[in-house]
Amino acid sequence: MPKGPRGEKRPADVIGMSVKVMRIATGEEEEELDRAKSAAAELGSRGGKARAAKMSAKRRREIARKAASARWNH
């Protein structure tokens, strides 16, 4: 089943989707939102912060310059 912009399940056909959107808009139906964050995303966000905290300011500056160079000189 296709997912909407915020992860909600929506019908695949155009008419079914239109009816569902109309019911949500009029309050006949509640939107089903799946807000659960995956374990990998949770660990990844913690890992990045820990890595940045361990790094020296000089090393962070080197990485930032390399990233900026790659972004602007592609």
PDB file of N, CA and C in Angstrom:
ATOM      1  N   MET A   1       0.845  -1.170   0.000  1.00  0.00           N
ATOM      2  CA  MET A   1       0.000   0.000   0.000  1.00  0.00           C
ATOM      3  C   MET A   1       0.889   1.230   0.000  1.00  0.00           C
ATOM      4  N   PRO A   2       0.609   2.233  -0.824  1.00  0.00           N
ATOM      5  CA  PRO A   2       1.434   3.442  -0.870  1.00  0.00           C
ATOM      6  C   PRO A   2       1.377   4.212   0.445  1.00  0.00           C
ATOM      7  N   LYS A   3       2.398   4.978   0.682  1.00  0.00           N
ATOM      8  CA  LYS A   3       2.445   5.780   1.897  1.00  0.00           C
ATOM      9  C   LYS A   3       2.381   7.246   1.534  1.00  0.00           C
ATOM     10  N   GLY A   4       1.736   8.022   2.380  1.00  0.00           N
ATOM     11  CA  GLY A   4       1.620   9.459   2.185  1.00  0.00           C
ATOM     12  C   GLY A   4       2.898  10.152   2.596  1.00  0.00           C
ATOM     13  N   PRO A   5       2.909  11.467   2.599  1.00  0.00           N
ATOM     14  CA  PRO A   5       4.129  12.217   2.897  1.00  0.00           C
ATOM     15  C   PRO A   5       4.656  12.017   4.313  1.00  0.00           C
ATOM     16  N   ARG A   6       3.825  11.643   5.250  1.00  0.00           N
ATOM     17  CA  ARG A   6       4.285  11.430   6.622  1.00  0.00           C
ATOM     18  C   ARG A   6       4.240   9.971   7.018  1.00  0.00           C
ATOM     19  N   GLY A   7       4.226   9.055   6.052  1.00  0.00           N
ATOM     20  CA  GLY A   7       4.281   7.636   6.347  1.00  0.00           C
ATOM     21  C   GLY A   7       2.934   6.973   6.555  1.00  0.00           C
ATOM     22  N   GLU A   8       1.834   7.705   6.372  1.00  0.00           N
ATOM     23  CA  GLU A   8       0.525   7.106   6.571  1.00  0.00           C
ATOM     24  C   GLU A   8       0.149   6.237   5.382  1.00  0.00           C
ATOM     25  N   LYS A   9      -0.653   5.212   5.641  1.00  0.00           N
ATOM     26  CA  LYS A   9      -1.053   4.307   4.573  1.00  0.00           C
ATOM     27  C   LYS A   9      -2.229   4.916   3.812  1.00  0.00           C
ATOM     28  N   ARG A  10      -2.169   4.844   2.501  1.00  0.00           N
ATOM     29  CA  ARG A  10      -3.228   5.369   1.655  1.00  0.00           C
ATOM     30  C   ARG A  10      -3.583   4.336   0.592  1.00  0.00           C
ATOM     31  N   PRO A  11      -4.825   4.330   0.106  1.00  0.00           N
ATOM     32  CA  PRO A  11      -5.208   3.412  -0.985  1.00  0.00           C
ATOM     33  C   PRO A  11      -4.433   3.717  -2.261  1.00  0.00           C
ATOM     34  N   ALA A  12      -4.215   2.685  -3.078  1.00  0.00           N
ATOM     35  CA  ALA A  12      -3.427   2.843  -4.297  1.00  0.00           C
ATOM     36  C   ALA A  12      -4.221   3.504  -5.421  1.00  0.00           C
ATOM     37  N   ASP A  13      -5.541   3.261  -5.496  1.00  0.00           N
ATOM     38  CA  ASP A  13      -6.319   3.824  -6.604  1.00  0.00           C
ATOM     39  C   ASP A  13      -6.721   5.264  -6.291  1.00  0.00           C
ATOM     40  N   VAL A  14      -6.927   6.054  -7.338  1.00  0.00           N
ATOM     41  CA  VAL A  14      -7.187   7.485  -7.213  1.00  0.00           C
ATOM     42  C   VAL A  14      -8.501   7.762  -6.489  1.00  0.00           C
ATOM     43  N   ILE A  15      -9.553   7.036  -6.821  1.00  0.00           N
ATOM     44  CA  ILE A  15     -10.859   7.280  -6.214  1.00  0.00           C
ATOM     45  C   ILE A  15     -10.824   6.899  -4.727  1.00  0.00           C
ATOM     46  N   GLY A  16     -10.236   5.751  -4.424  1.00  0.00           N
ATOM     47  CA  GLY A  16     -10.132   5.331  -3.025  1.00  0.00           C
ATOM     48  C   GLY A  16      -9.322   6.314  -2.204  1.00  0.00           C
ATOM     49  N   MET A  17      -8.239   6.833  -2.776  1.00  0.00           N
ATOM     50  CA  MET A  17      -7.411   7.805  -2.082  1.00  0.00           C
ATOM     51  C   MET A  17      -8.186   9.098  -1.856  1.00  0.00           C
ATOM     52  N   SER A  18      -8.954   9.521  -2.857  1.00  0.00           N
ATOM     53  CA  SER A  18      -9.745  10.746  -2.740  1.00  0.00           C
ATOM     54  C   SER A  18     -10.776  10.619  -1.628  1.00  0.00           C
ATOM     55  N   VAL A  19     -11.437   9.473  -1.573  1.00  0.00           N
ATOM     56  CA  VAL A  19     -12.442   9.243  -0.531  1.00  0.00           C
ATOM     57  C   VAL A  19     -11.781   9.261   0.843  1.00  0.00           C
ATOM     58  N   LYS A  20     -10.615   8.622   0.970  1.00  0.00           N
ATOM     59  CA  LYS A  20      -9.904   8.590   2.250  1.00  0.00           C
ATOM     60  C   LYS A  20      -9.506   9.998   2.686  1.00  0.00           C
ATOM     61  N   VAL A  21      -8.973  10.798   1.776  1.00  0.00           N
ATOM     62  CA  VAL A  21      -8.562  12.167   2.091  1.00  0.00           C
ATOM     63  C   VAL A  21      -9.774  12.991   2.514  1.00  0.00           C
ATOM     64  N   MET A  22     -10.908  12.809   1.817  1.00  0.00           N
ATOM     65  CA  MET A  22     -12.127  13.539   2.156  1.00  0.00           C
ATOM     66  C   MET A  22     -12.605  13.149   3.560  1.00  0.00           C
ATOM     67  N   ARG A  23     -12.546  11.867   3.889  1.00  0.00           N
ATOM     68  CA  ARG A  23     -12.977  11.421   5.219  1.00  0.00           C
ATOM     69  C   ARG A  23     -12.071  11.968   6.319  1.00  0.00           C
ATOM     70  N   ILE A  24     -10.785  12.034   6.037  1.00  0.00           N
ATOM     71  CA  ILE A  24      -9.850  12.600   7.017  1.00  0.00           C
ATOM     72  C   ILE A  24     -10.130  14.088   7.190  1.00  0.00           C
ATOM     73  N   ALA A  25     -10.377  14.792   6.082  1.00  0.00           N
ATOM     74  CA  ALA A  25     -10.626  16.233   6.129  1.00  0.00           C
ATOM     75  C   ALA A  25     -11.912  16.568   6.875  1.00  0.00           C
ATOM     76  N   THR A  26     -12.932  15.719   6.741  1.00  0.00           N
ATOM     77  CA  THR A  26     -14.202  15.993   7.409  1.00  0.00           C
ATOM     78  C   THR A  26     -14.249  15.440   8.827  1.00  0.00           C
ATOM     79  N   GLY A  27     -13.229  14.693   9.232  1.00  0.00           N
ATOM     80  CA  GLY A  27     -13.166  14.173  10.584  1.00  0.00           C
ATOM     81  C   GLY A  27     -13.846  12.824  10.767  1.00  0.00           C
ATOM     82  N   GLU A  28     -14.297  12.201   9.697  1.00  0.00           N
ATOM     83  CA  GLU A  28     -14.927  10.881   9.800  1.00  0.00           C
ATOM     84  C   GLU A  28     -13.912   9.800  10.141  1.00  0.00           C
ATOM     85  N   GLU A  29     -12.656  10.010   9.738  1.00  0.00           N
ATOM     86  CA  GLU A  29     -11.590   9.031   9.938  1.00  0.00           C
ATOM     87  C   GLU A  29     -10.385   9.720  10.523  1.00  0.00           C
ATOM     88  N   GLU A  30      -9.630   8.987  11.323  1.00  0.00           N
ATOM     89  CA  GLU A  30      -8.376   9.509  11.864  1.00  0.00           C
ATOM     90  C   GLU A  30      -7.227   9.087  10.957  1.00  0.00           C
ATOM     91  N   GLU A  31      -6.223   9.933  10.860  1.00  0.00           N
ATOM     92  CA  GLU A  31      -5.027   9.587  10.084  1.00  0.00           C
ATOM     93  C   GLU A  31      -4.172   8.619  10.881  1.00  0.00           C
ATOM     94  N   GLU A  32      -3.652   7.598  10.219  1.00  0.00           N
ATOM     95  CA  GLU A  32      -2.769   6.635  10.873  1.00  0.00           C
ATOM     96  C   GLU A  32      -1.333   7.043  10.597  1.00  0.00           C
ATOM     97  N   LEU A  33      -0.642   7.482  11.623  1.00  0.00           N
ATOM     98  CA  LEU A  33       0.740   7.905  11.454  1.00  0.00           C
ATOM     99  C   LEU A  33       1.665   6.927  12.147  1.00  0.00           C
ATOM    100  N   ASP A  34       2.708   6.513  11.448  1.00  0.00           N
ATOM    101  CA  ASP A  34       3.701   5.612  12.011  1.00  0.00           C
ATOM    102  C   ASP A  34       4.929   6.444  12.365  1.00  0.00           C
ATOM    103  N   ARG A  35       5.014   6.868  13.596  1.00  0.00           N
ATOM    104  CA  ARG A  35       6.084   7.765  14.025  1.00  0.00           C
ATOM    105  C   ARG A  35       7.254   7.034  14.673  1.00  0.00           C
ATOM    106  N   ALA A  36       7.234   5.721  14.656  1.00  0.00           N
ATOM    107  CA  ALA A  36       8.301   4.965  15.305  1.00  0.00           C
ATOM    108  C   ALA A  36       9.629   5.191  14.585  1.00  0.00           C
ATOM    109  N   LYS A  37      10.637   5.509  15.354  1.00  0.00           N
ATOM    110  CA  LYS A  37      11.968   5.725  14.804  1.00  0.00           C
ATOM    111  C   LYS A  37      12.712   4.399  14.834  1.00  0.00           C
ATOM    112  N   SER A  38      13.363   4.071  13.755  1.00  0.00           N
ATOM    113  CA  SER A  38      14.057   2.788  13.703  1.00  0.00           C
ATOM    114  C   SER A  38      15.249   2.787  14.661  1.00  0.00           C
ATOM    115  N   ALA A  39      15.617   1.613  15.099  1.00  0.00           N
ATOM    116  CA  ALA A  39      16.737   1.468  16.029  1.00  0.00           C
ATOM    117  C   ALA A  39      18.034   1.933  15.377  1.00  0.00           C
ATOM    118  N   ALA A  40      18.187   1.658  14.089  1.00  0.00           N
ATOM    119  CA  ALA A  40      19.410   2.064  13.386  1.00  0.00           C
ATOM    120  C   ALA A  40      19.523   3.587  13.333  1.00  0.00           C
ATOM    121  N   ALA A  41      18.408   4.267  13.085  1.00  0.00           N
ATOM    122  CA  ALA A  41      18.432   5.729  13.038  1.00  0.00           C
ATOM    123  C   ALA A  41      18.765   6.301  14.414  1.00  0.00           C
ATOM    124  N   GLU A  42      18.219   5.691  15.450  1.00  0.00           N
ATOM    125  CA  GLU A  42      18.489   6.137  16.816  1.00  0.00           C
ATOM    126  C   GLU A  42      19.968   5.993  17.153  1.00  0.00           C
ATOM    127  N   LEU A  43      20.548   4.831  16.858  1.00  0.00           N
ATOM    128  CA  LEU A  43      21.959   4.608  17.148  1.00  0.00           C
ATOM    129  C   LEU A  43      22.845   5.494  16.291  1.00  0.00           C
ATOM    130  N   GLY A  44      22.459   5.705  15.038  1.00  0.00           N
ATOM    131  CA  GLY A  44      23.251   6.542  14.139  1.00  0.00           C
ATOM    132  C   GLY A  44      23.345   7.976  14.614  1.00  0.00           C
ATOM    133  N   SER A  45      22.241   8.507  15.123  1.00  0.00           N
ATOM    134  CA  SER A  45      22.260   9.894  15.579  1.00  0.00           C
ATOM    135  C   SER A  45      23.120  10.038  16.835  1.00  0.00           C
ATOM    136  N   ARG A  46      23.093   9.046  17.703  1.00  0.00           N
ATOM    137  CA  ARG A  46      23.943   9.100  18.895  1.00  0.00           C
ATOM    138  C   ARG A  46      25.406   8.941  18.531  1.00  0.00           C
ATOM    139  N   GLY A  47      25.694   8.089  17.543  1.00  0.00           N
ATOM    140  CA  GLY A  47      27.071   7.837  17.146  1.00  0.00           C
ATOM    141  C   GLY A  47      27.746   9.061  16.556  1.00  0.00           C
ATOM    142  N   GLY A  48      27.009   9.814  15.759  1.00  0.00           N
ATOM    143  CA  GLY A  48      27.569  11.024  15.160  1.00  0.00           C
ATOM    144  C   GLY A  48      27.933  12.065  16.199  1.00  0.00           C
ATOM    145  N   LYS A  49      27.086  12.229  17.201  1.00  0.00           N
ATOM    146  CA  LYS A  49      27.354  13.201  18.259  1.00  0.00           C
ATOM    147  C   LYS A  49      28.567  12.776  19.081  1.00  0.00           C
ATOM    148  N   ALA A  50      28.669  11.467  19.357  1.00  0.00           N
ATOM    149  CA  ALA A  50      29.802  10.963  20.137  1.00  0.00           C
ATOM    150  C   ALA A  50      31.101  11.135  19.354  1.00  0.00           C
ATOM    151  N   ARG A  51      31.043  10.879  18.050  1.00  0.00           N
ATOM    152  CA  ARG A  51      32.242  11.019  17.219  1.00  0.00           C
ATOM    153  C   ARG A  51      32.702  12.473  17.205  1.00  0.00           C
ATOM    154  N   ALA A  52      31.766  13.404  17.047  1.00  0.00           N
ATOM    155  CA  ALA A  52      32.118  14.816  17.018  1.00  0.00           C
ATOM    156  C   ALA A  52      32.690  15.275  18.358  1.00  0.00           C
ATOM    157  N   ALA A  53      32.181  14.738  19.455  1.00  0.00           N
ATOM    158  CA  ALA A  53      32.675  15.132  20.770  1.00  0.00           C
ATOM    159  C   ALA A  53      34.110  14.652  20.997  1.00  0.00           C
ATOM    160  N   LYS A  54      34.472  13.492  20.446  1.00  0.00           N
ATOM    161  CA  LYS A  54      35.823  12.947  20.618  1.00  0.00           C
ATOM    162  C   LYS A  54      36.853  13.640  19.728  1.00  0.00           C
ATOM    163  N   MET A  55      36.395  14.222  18.617  1.00  0.00           N
ATOM    164  CA  MET A  55      37.318  14.801  17.657  1.00  0.00           C
ATOM    165  C   MET A  55      37.837  16.167  18.104  1.00  0.00           C
ATOM    166  N   SER A  56      39.040  16.483  17.704  1.00  0.00           N
ATOM    167  CA  SER A  56      39.588  17.796  18.033  1.00  0.00           C
ATOM    168  C   SER A  56      38.976  18.836  17.094  1.00  0.00           C
ATOM    169  N   ALA A  57      39.060  20.082  17.503  1.00  0.00           N
ATOM    170  CA  ALA A  57      38.519  21.169  16.683  1.00  0.00           C
ATOM    171  C   ALA A  57      39.251  21.244  15.343  1.00  0.00           C
ATOM    172  N   LYS A  58      40.554  20.973  15.358  1.00  0.00           N
ATOM    173  CA  LYS A  58      41.334  21.023  14.127  1.00  0.00           C
ATOM    174  C   LYS A  58      40.854  19.962  13.125  1.00  0.00           C
ATOM    175  N   ARG A  59      40.593  18.752  13.624  1.00  0.00           N
ATOM    176  CA  ARG A  59      40.129  17.661  12.754  1.00  0.00           C
ATOM    177  C   ARG A  59      38.732  17.952  12.198  1.00  0.00           C
ATOM    178  N   ARG A  60      37.837  18.499  13.043  1.00  0.00           N
ATOM    179  CA  ARG A  60      36.491  18.858  12.565  1.00  0.00           C
ATOM    180  C   ARG A  60      36.578  19.914  11.467  1.00  0.00           C
ATOM    181  N   ARG A  61      37.498  20.865  11.637  1.00  0.00           N
ATOM    182  CA  ARG A  61      37.690  21.921  10.642  1.00  0.00           C
ATOM    183  C   ARG A  61      38.186  21.341   9.326  1.00  0.00           C
ATOM    184  N   GLU A  62      39.113  20.364   9.392  1.00  0.00           N
ATOM    185  CA  GLU A  62      39.618  19.703   8.177  1.00  0.00           C
ATOM    186  C   GLU A  62      38.490  18.991   7.432  1.00  0.00           C
ATOM    187  N   ILE A  63      37.660  18.268   8.179  1.00  0.00           N
ATOM    188  CA  ILE A  63      36.543  17.536   7.573  1.00  0.00           C
ATOM    189  C   ILE A  63      35.553  18.514   6.945  1.00  0.00           C
ATOM    190  N   ALA A  64      35.277  19.629   7.630  1.00  0.00           N
ATOM    191  CA  ALA A  64      34.340  20.625   7.101  1.00  0.00           C
ATOM    192  C   ALA A  64      34.880  21.255   5.820  1.00  0.00           C
ATOM    193  N   ARG A  65      36.173  21.539   5.791  1.00  0.00           N
ATOM    194  CA  ARG A  65      36.761  22.126   4.569  1.00  0.00           C
ATOM    195  C   ARG A  65      36.692  21.155   3.405  1.00  0.00           C
ATOM    196  N   LYS A  66      36.970  19.878   3.680  1.00  0.00           N
ATOM    197  CA  LYS A  66      36.905  18.865   2.626  1.00  0.00           C
ATOM    198  C   LYS A  66      35.472  18.740   2.094  1.00  0.00           C
ATOM    199  N   ALA A  67      34.494  18.772   2.991  1.00  0.00           N
ATOM    200  CA  ALA A  67      33.089  18.668   2.582  1.00  0.00           C
ATOM    201  C   ALA A  67      32.672  19.880   1.752  1.00  0.00           C
ATOM    202  N   ALA A  68      33.090  21.070   2.184  1.00  0.00           N
ATOM    203  CA  ALA A  68      32.750  22.283   1.438  1.00  0.00           C
ATOM    204  C   ALA A  68      33.400  22.269   0.062  1.00  0.00           C
ATOM    205  N   SER A  69      34.632  21.804   0.005  1.00  0.00           N
ATOM    206  CA  SER A  69      35.330  21.717  -1.278  1.00  0.00           C
ATOM    207  C   SER A  69      34.612  20.756  -2.221  1.00  0.00           C
ATOM    208  N   ALA A  70      34.217  19.619  -1.692  1.00  0.00           N
ATOM    209  CA  ALA A  70      33.496  18.634  -2.517  1.00  0.00           C
ATOM    210  C   ALA A  70      32.155  19.186  -2.983  1.00  0.00           C
ATOM    211  N   ARG A  71      31.487  19.941  -2.122  1.00  0.00           N
ATOM    212  CA  ARG A  71      30.176  20.481  -2.457  1.00  0.00           C
ATOM    213  C   ARG A  71      30.267  21.549  -3.544  1.00  0.00           C
ATOM    214  N   TRP A  72      31.265  22.410  -3.464  1.00  0.00           N
ATOM    215  CA  TRP A  72      31.344  23.532  -4.395  1.00  0.00           C
ATOM    216  C   TRP A  72      32.161  23.252  -5.645  1.00  0.00           C
ATOM    217  N   ASN A  73      33.001  22.227  -5.635  1.00  0.00           N
ATOM    218  CA  ASN A  73      33.850  21.930  -6.792  1.00  0.00           C
ATOM    219  C   ASN A  73      33.441  20.697  -7.548  1.00  0.00           C
ATOM    220  N   HIS A  74      32.241  20.255  -7.417  1.00  0.00           N
ATOM    221  CA  HIS A  74      31.812  19.041  -8.114  1.00  0.00           C
ATOM    222  C   HIS A  74      31.637  19.400  -9.555  1.00  0.00           C
TER     223      HIS A  74
END
